[in-house]
């Protein structure tokens, strides 16, 4: 549910004016690494998703296939270095482990993106207003597609344009760029 995607503080200050949360770095190299714990301000009971003037997106890593019917494990936090003014994006991939990663401005769009990814073995989805804007399924082992080269290029460009329309000016190679965060999450032990 969308409630499962809400960022849960690691701890909240006694006065309730700040909360410690995990902030991920989309480009997780360098001294900051992929993630760190950061105190963010709390206003009217809600965490303010901003760090040093940079707007943060909500971020979640969702276990794709939990064992023995258990509930999916969901890791939440915020992520920087991926500008988006509205909507959400989700990435589902089978290797190295079958998980879904989503980032967005609100839990409802993130949930819509996750549900669309769950219709395929893997892939990429962009949503806004609870609706799918574009989808690029990867139905062969959750890592490949049977599309022709022309169709794959067309769908990849649609993904780029959908992200650009939501304020992601750095788009242009979204398929490759989004995979980077997936592999960083695995390299840093966040995928189950």
C-alpha atoms as a PDB file:
ATOM      1  CA  UNK A   1       0.000   0.000   0.000  1.00  0.00           C
ATOM      2  CA  UNK A   2       1.018   3.648  -0.258  1.00  0.00           C
ATOM      3  CA  UNK A   3       1.430   3.669   3.541  1.00  0.00           C
ATOM      4  CA  UNK A   4       4.263   1.136   3.192  1.00  0.00           C
ATOM      5  CA  UNK A   5       6.131   3.691   1.068  1.00  0.00           C
ATOM      6  CA  UNK A   6       6.042   6.492   3.627  1.00  0.00           C
ATOM      7  CA  UNK A   7       9.458   7.362   5.013  1.00  0.00           C
ATOM      8  CA  UNK A   8       9.729   6.123   8.578  1.00  0.00           C
ATOM      9  CA  UNK A   9      12.218   8.091  10.687  1.00  0.00           C
ATOM     10  CA  UNK A  10      15.095   6.200  12.273  1.00  0.00           C
ATOM     11  CA  UNK A  11      14.519   8.474  15.254  1.00  0.00           C
ATOM     12  CA  UNK A  12      12.731  11.722  15.983  1.00  0.00           C
ATOM     13  CA  UNK A  13      14.126  14.515  18.150  1.00  0.00           C
ATOM     14  CA  UNK A  14      12.525  14.909  21.583  1.00  0.00           C
ATOM     15  CA  UNK A  15      11.078  18.281  20.561  1.00  0.00           C
ATOM     16  CA  UNK A  16       9.640  16.769  17.349  1.00  0.00           C
ATOM     17  CA  UNK A  17      11.327  19.403  15.173  1.00  0.00           C
ATOM     18  CA  UNK A  18      13.709  17.061  13.328  1.00  0.00           C
ATOM     19  CA  UNK A  19      13.922  13.432  12.304  1.00  0.00           C
ATOM     20  CA  UNK A  20      16.832  11.219  11.346  1.00  0.00           C
ATOM     21  CA  UNK A  21      16.260   9.423   8.036  1.00  0.00           C
ATOM     22  CA  UNK A  22      18.295   7.600   5.416  1.00  0.00           C
ATOM     23  CA  UNK A  23      19.241   9.759   2.446  1.00  0.00           C
ATOM     24  CA  UNK A  24      20.503   7.903  -0.623  1.00  0.00           C
ATOM     25  CA  UNK A  25      22.722   9.400  -3.324  1.00  0.00           C
ATOM     26  CA  UNK A  26      21.647   8.528  -6.855  1.00  0.00           C
ATOM     27  CA  UNK A  27      25.266   8.726  -7.937  1.00  0.00           C
ATOM     28  CA  UNK A  28      26.556   6.864  -4.899  1.00  0.00           C
ATOM     29  CA  UNK A  29      30.264   7.280  -5.398  1.00  0.00           C
ATOM     30  CA  UNK A  30      32.694   9.528  -3.562  1.00  0.00           C
ATOM     31  CA  UNK A  31      33.038  10.294   0.136  1.00  0.00           C
ATOM     32  CA  UNK A  32      29.289  10.257   0.858  1.00  0.00           C
ATOM     33  CA  UNK A  33      28.782   6.795  -0.595  1.00  0.00           C
ATOM     34  CA  UNK A  34      25.338   5.453  -1.463  1.00  0.00           C
ATOM     35  CA  UNK A  35      23.535   6.265   1.776  1.00  0.00           C
ATOM     36  CA  UNK A  36      23.874   8.115   5.056  1.00  0.00           C
ATOM     37  CA  UNK A  37      21.728   9.055   8.010  1.00  0.00           C
ATOM     38  CA  UNK A  38      20.719  12.716   8.021  1.00  0.00           C
ATOM     39  CA  UNK A  39      18.542  14.842  10.308  1.00  0.00           C
ATOM     40  CA  UNK A  40      15.855  16.709   8.383  1.00  0.00           C
ATOM     41  CA  UNK A  41      13.415  19.280   9.764  1.00  0.00           C
ATOM     42  CA  UNK A  42       9.844  18.319  10.633  1.00  0.00           C
ATOM     43  CA  UNK A  43       7.038  20.811  10.012  1.00  0.00           C
ATOM     44  CA  UNK A  44       3.387  20.160  10.914  1.00  0.00           C
ATOM     45  CA  UNK A  45       4.266  16.528  11.634  1.00  0.00           C
ATOM     46  CA  UNK A  46       5.810  15.907   8.190  1.00  0.00           C
ATOM     47  CA  UNK A  47       9.472  15.514   7.267  1.00  0.00           C
ATOM     48  CA  UNK A  48      10.627  18.329   4.969  1.00  0.00           C
ATOM     49  CA  UNK A  49      12.295  16.576   1.979  1.00  0.00           C
ATOM     50  CA  UNK A  50      15.111  19.046   1.441  1.00  0.00           C
ATOM     51  CA  UNK A  51      18.828  18.866   2.172  1.00  0.00           C
ATOM     52  CA  UNK A  52      21.104  21.906   1.821  1.00  0.00           C
ATOM     53  CA  UNK A  53      18.623  23.511  -0.568  1.00  0.00           C
ATOM     54  CA  UNK A  54      18.244  20.407  -2.756  1.00  0.00           C
ATOM     55  CA  UNK A  55      14.758  18.942  -3.089  1.00  0.00           C
ATOM     56  CA  UNK A  56      14.754  15.233  -2.222  1.00  0.00           C
ATOM     57  CA  UNK A  57      12.572  12.526  -3.698  1.00  0.00           C
ATOM     58  CA  UNK A  58      10.988   9.713  -1.761  1.00  0.00           C
ATOM     59  CA  UNK A  59      12.816   6.433  -2.340  1.00  0.00           C
ATOM     60  CA  UNK A  60      11.945   2.795  -1.721  1.00  0.00           C
ATOM     61  CA  UNK A  61      13.467  -0.598  -2.402  1.00  0.00           C
ATOM     62  CA  UNK A  62      10.863  -3.364  -2.462  1.00  0.00           C
ATOM     63  CA  UNK A  63      11.582  -7.068  -2.281  1.00  0.00           C
ATOM     64  CA  UNK A  64       9.969  -8.652  -5.331  1.00  0.00           C
ATOM     65  CA  UNK A  65       9.366 -12.227  -4.252  1.00  0.00           C
ATOM     66  CA  UNK A  66       9.412 -12.766  -0.465  1.00  0.00           C
ATOM     67  CA  UNK A  67       9.937 -16.304   0.756  1.00  0.00           C
ATOM     68  CA  UNK A  68       7.197 -18.491   2.200  1.00  0.00           C
ATOM     69  CA  UNK A  69       4.414 -15.954   1.589  1.00  0.00           C
ATOM     70  CA  UNK A  70       5.943 -13.365   3.915  1.00  0.00           C
ATOM     71  CA  UNK A  71       5.211  -9.676   3.422  1.00  0.00           C
ATOM     72  CA  UNK A  72       7.552  -7.875   1.031  1.00  0.00           C
ATOM     73  CA  UNK A  73      10.447  -6.127   2.751  1.00  0.00           C
ATOM     74  CA  UNK A  74      10.347  -2.389   2.034  1.00  0.00           C
ATOM     75  CA  UNK A  75      13.288  -0.060   2.705  1.00  0.00           C
ATOM     76  CA  UNK A  76      12.390   3.633   2.583  1.00  0.00           C
ATOM     77  CA  UNK A  77      14.226   6.928   2.670  1.00  0.00           C
ATOM     78  CA  UNK A  78      14.873   9.927   0.475  1.00  0.00           C
ATOM     79  CA  UNK A  79      17.161  10.232  -2.538  1.00  0.00           C
ATOM     80  CA  UNK A  80      19.110  13.160  -3.954  1.00  0.00           C
ATOM     81  CA  UNK A  81      20.694  13.847  -7.356  1.00  0.00           C
ATOM     82  CA  UNK A  82      17.596  12.793  -9.335  1.00  0.00           C
ATOM     83  CA  UNK A  83      15.473  15.885  -9.990  1.00  0.00           C
ATOM     84  CA  UNK A  84      11.758  15.295 -10.523  1.00  0.00           C
ATOM     85  CA  UNK A  85       8.972  17.842  -9.987  1.00  0.00           C
ATOM     86  CA  UNK A  86       6.035  15.433 -10.112  1.00  0.00           C
ATOM     87  CA  UNK A  87       5.202  11.760 -10.493  1.00  0.00           C
ATOM     88  CA  UNK A  88       7.380   8.721  -9.947  1.00  0.00           C
ATOM     89  CA  UNK A  89       9.576   6.189 -11.686  1.00  0.00           C
ATOM     90  CA  UNK A  90      10.040   2.504 -10.884  1.00  0.00           C
ATOM     91  CA  UNK A  91      12.654   0.010 -12.031  1.00  0.00           C
ATOM     92  CA  UNK A  92      12.183  -3.739 -11.755  1.00  0.00           C
ATOM     93  CA  UNK A  93      15.085  -5.982 -12.579  1.00  0.00           C
ATOM     94  CA  UNK A  94      15.872  -9.642 -11.884  1.00  0.00           C
ATOM     95  CA  UNK A  95      19.634  -9.455 -11.556  1.00  0.00           C
ATOM     96  CA  UNK A  96      21.457  -9.552  -9.307  1.00  0.00           C
ATOM     97  CA  UNK A  97      18.291  -9.978  -7.188  1.00  0.00           C
ATOM     98  CA  UNK A  98      14.628  -9.480  -8.087  1.00  0.00           C
ATOM     99  CA  UNK A  99      13.656  -6.164  -6.502  1.00  0.00           C
ATOM    100  CA  UNK A 100      11.789  -3.012  -7.477  1.00  0.00           C
ATOM    101  CA  UNK A 101      13.242   0.427  -6.834  1.00  0.00           C
ATOM    102  CA  UNK A 102      11.010   3.476  -6.974  1.00  0.00           C
ATOM    103  CA  UNK A 103      11.564   7.191  -6.516  1.00  0.00           C
ATOM    104  CA  UNK A 104       9.001   9.909  -6.672  1.00  0.00           C
ATOM    105  CA  UNK A 105       7.324  12.940  -5.261  1.00  0.00           C
ATOM    106  CA  UNK A 106       4.467  11.054  -3.582  1.00  0.00           C
ATOM    107  CA  UNK A 107       3.591   7.526  -2.417  1.00  0.00           C
ATOM    108  CA  UNK A 108       0.510   7.199  -4.669  1.00  0.00           C
ATOM    109  CA  UNK A 109       2.481   7.638  -7.899  1.00  0.00           C
ATOM    110  CA  UNK A 110       5.215   5.381  -6.540  1.00  0.00           C
ATOM    111  CA  UNK A 111       2.638   2.668  -5.795  1.00  0.00           C
ATOM    112  CA  UNK A 112       1.115   3.005  -9.280  1.00  0.00           C
ATOM    113  CA  UNK A 113       4.587   2.571 -10.785  1.00  0.00           C
ATOM    114  CA  UNK A 114       5.305  -0.505  -8.643  1.00  0.00           C
ATOM    115  CA  UNK A 115       1.988  -2.113  -9.620  1.00  0.00           C
ATOM    116  CA  UNK A 116       2.746  -1.584 -13.313  1.00  0.00           C
ATOM    117  CA  UNK A 117       6.251  -3.056 -12.948  1.00  0.00           C
ATOM    118  CA  UNK A 118       4.662  -6.041 -11.185  1.00  0.00           C
ATOM    119  CA  UNK A 119       2.707  -6.786 -14.383  1.00  0.00           C
ATOM    120  CA  UNK A 120       6.013  -7.811 -15.993  1.00  0.00           C
ATOM    121  CA  UNK A 121       9.070  -9.745 -14.931  1.00  0.00           C
ATOM    122  CA  UNK A 122      10.937  -6.437 -14.971  1.00  0.00           C
ATOM    123  CA  UNK A 123      11.081  -3.074 -16.636  1.00  0.00           C
ATOM    124  CA  UNK A 124      10.755   0.679 -16.289  1.00  0.00           C
ATOM    125  CA  UNK A 125       7.651   2.738 -15.556  1.00  0.00           C
ATOM    126  CA  UNK A 126       6.912   6.460 -15.239  1.00  0.00           C
ATOM    127  CA  UNK A 127       3.671   7.565 -13.564  1.00  0.00           C
ATOM    128  CA  UNK A 128       1.922  10.830 -12.759  1.00  0.00           C
ATOM    129  CA  UNK A 129      -1.434  11.469 -11.119  1.00  0.00           C
ATOM    130  CA  UNK A 130      -1.723   7.768 -10.311  1.00  0.00           C
ATOM    131  CA  UNK A 131      -1.632   6.849 -14.015  1.00  0.00           C
ATOM    132  CA  UNK A 132       1.048   5.227 -16.152  1.00  0.00           C
ATOM    133  CA  UNK A 133       2.659   7.708 -18.550  1.00  0.00           C
ATOM    134  CA  UNK A 134       4.967   5.180 -20.171  1.00  0.00           C
ATOM    135  CA  UNK A 135       6.203   1.661 -19.590  1.00  0.00           C
ATOM    136  CA  UNK A 136       9.108  -0.367 -20.953  1.00  0.00           C
ATOM    137  CA  UNK A 137       8.586  -3.999 -19.875  1.00  0.00           C
ATOM    138  CA  UNK A 138      11.500  -6.425 -19.714  1.00  0.00           C
ATOM    139  CA  UNK A 139       9.717  -9.764 -19.988  1.00  0.00           C
ATOM    140  CA  UNK A 140      12.611 -12.093 -20.776  1.00  0.00           C
ATOM    141  CA  UNK A 141      14.002 -13.166 -17.403  1.00  0.00           C
ATOM    142  CA  UNK A 142      13.103  -9.672 -16.150  1.00  0.00           C
ATOM    143  CA  UNK A 143      16.239  -8.313 -17.828  1.00  0.00           C
ATOM    144  CA  UNK A 144      15.674  -8.341 -21.582  1.00  0.00           C
ATOM    145  CA  UNK A 145      12.955  -7.633 -24.080  1.00  0.00           C
ATOM    146  CA  UNK A 146      11.854  -9.143 -27.343  1.00  0.00           C
ATOM    147  CA  UNK A 147      11.228  -5.752 -28.934  1.00  0.00           C
ATOM    148  CA  UNK A 148      12.850  -4.984 -32.244  1.00  0.00           C
ATOM    149  CA  UNK A 149      15.717  -2.488 -32.076  1.00  0.00           C
ATOM    150  CA  UNK A 150      13.466   0.228 -33.533  1.00  0.00           C
ATOM    151  CA  UNK A 151      10.716  -0.454 -30.975  1.00  0.00           C
ATOM    152  CA  UNK A 152      13.208  -0.531 -28.092  1.00  0.00           C
ATOM    153  CA  UNK A 153      14.679   2.821 -29.180  1.00  0.00           C
ATOM    154  CA  UNK A 154      11.171   4.276 -29.522  1.00  0.00           C
ATOM    155  CA  UNK A 155      10.116   3.088 -26.050  1.00  0.00           C
ATOM    156  CA  UNK A 156      13.395   4.254 -24.498  1.00  0.00           C
ATOM    157  CA  UNK A 157      12.848   7.722 -25.966  1.00  0.00           C
ATOM    158  CA  UNK A 158       9.272   7.728 -24.626  1.00  0.00           C
ATOM    159  CA  UNK A 159      10.696   6.983 -21.168  1.00  0.00           C
ATOM    160  CA  UNK A 160      13.169   9.854 -21.507  1.00  0.00           C
ATOM    161  CA  UNK A 161      10.454  12.268 -22.685  1.00  0.00           C
ATOM    162  CA  UNK A 162       8.097  11.249 -19.865  1.00  0.00           C
ATOM    163  CA  UNK A 163      10.831  11.959 -17.300  1.00  0.00           C
ATOM    164  CA  UNK A 164      11.689  15.283 -18.968  1.00  0.00           C
ATOM    165  CA  UNK A 165       8.020  16.319 -18.805  1.00  0.00           C
ATOM    166  CA  UNK A 166       8.144  15.704 -15.032  1.00  0.00           C
ATOM    167  CA  UNK A 167      11.202  17.913 -14.609  1.00  0.00           C
ATOM    168  CA  UNK A 168      14.077  15.488 -15.061  1.00  0.00           C
ATOM    169  CA  UNK A 169      16.297  17.642 -17.262  1.00  0.00           C
ATOM    170  CA  UNK A 170      19.176  15.177 -17.040  1.00  0.00           C
ATOM    171  CA  UNK A 171      17.205  12.610 -19.025  1.00  0.00           C
ATOM    172  CA  UNK A 172      18.429  11.269 -22.334  1.00  0.00           C
ATOM    173  CA  UNK A 173      19.728   7.864 -21.300  1.00  0.00           C
ATOM    174  CA  UNK A 174      17.206   6.918 -18.634  1.00  0.00           C
ATOM    175  CA  UNK A 175      17.416   3.151 -19.158  1.00  0.00           C
ATOM    176  CA  UNK A 176      21.154   3.052 -18.430  1.00  0.00           C
ATOM    177  CA  UNK A 177      21.054   5.714 -15.726  1.00  0.00           C
ATOM    178  CA  UNK A 178      18.249   4.048 -13.762  1.00  0.00           C
ATOM    179  CA  UNK A 179      20.095   0.734 -13.806  1.00  0.00           C
ATOM    180  CA  UNK A 180      23.043   2.398 -12.044  1.00  0.00           C
ATOM    181  CA  UNK A 181      21.011   3.024  -8.896  1.00  0.00           C
ATOM    182  CA  UNK A 182      19.826  -0.596  -8.968  1.00  0.00           C
ATOM    183  CA  UNK A 183      23.369  -1.935  -8.994  1.00  0.00           C
ATOM    184  CA  UNK A 184      24.532   0.572  -6.382  1.00  0.00           C
ATOM    185  CA  UNK A 185      21.753  -0.621  -4.081  1.00  0.00           C
ATOM    186  CA  UNK A 186      22.973  -4.193  -4.504  1.00  0.00           C
ATOM    187  CA  UNK A 187      26.655  -3.295  -4.102  1.00  0.00           C
ATOM    188  CA  UNK A 188      25.852  -1.598  -0.805  1.00  0.00           C
ATOM    189  CA  UNK A 189      23.770  -4.488   0.548  1.00  0.00           C
ATOM    190  CA  UNK A 190      20.249  -3.063   0.189  1.00  0.00           C
ATOM    191  CA  UNK A 191      18.788  -5.756  -2.086  1.00  0.00           C
ATOM    192  CA  UNK A 192      17.446  -8.992  -0.648  1.00  0.00           C
END
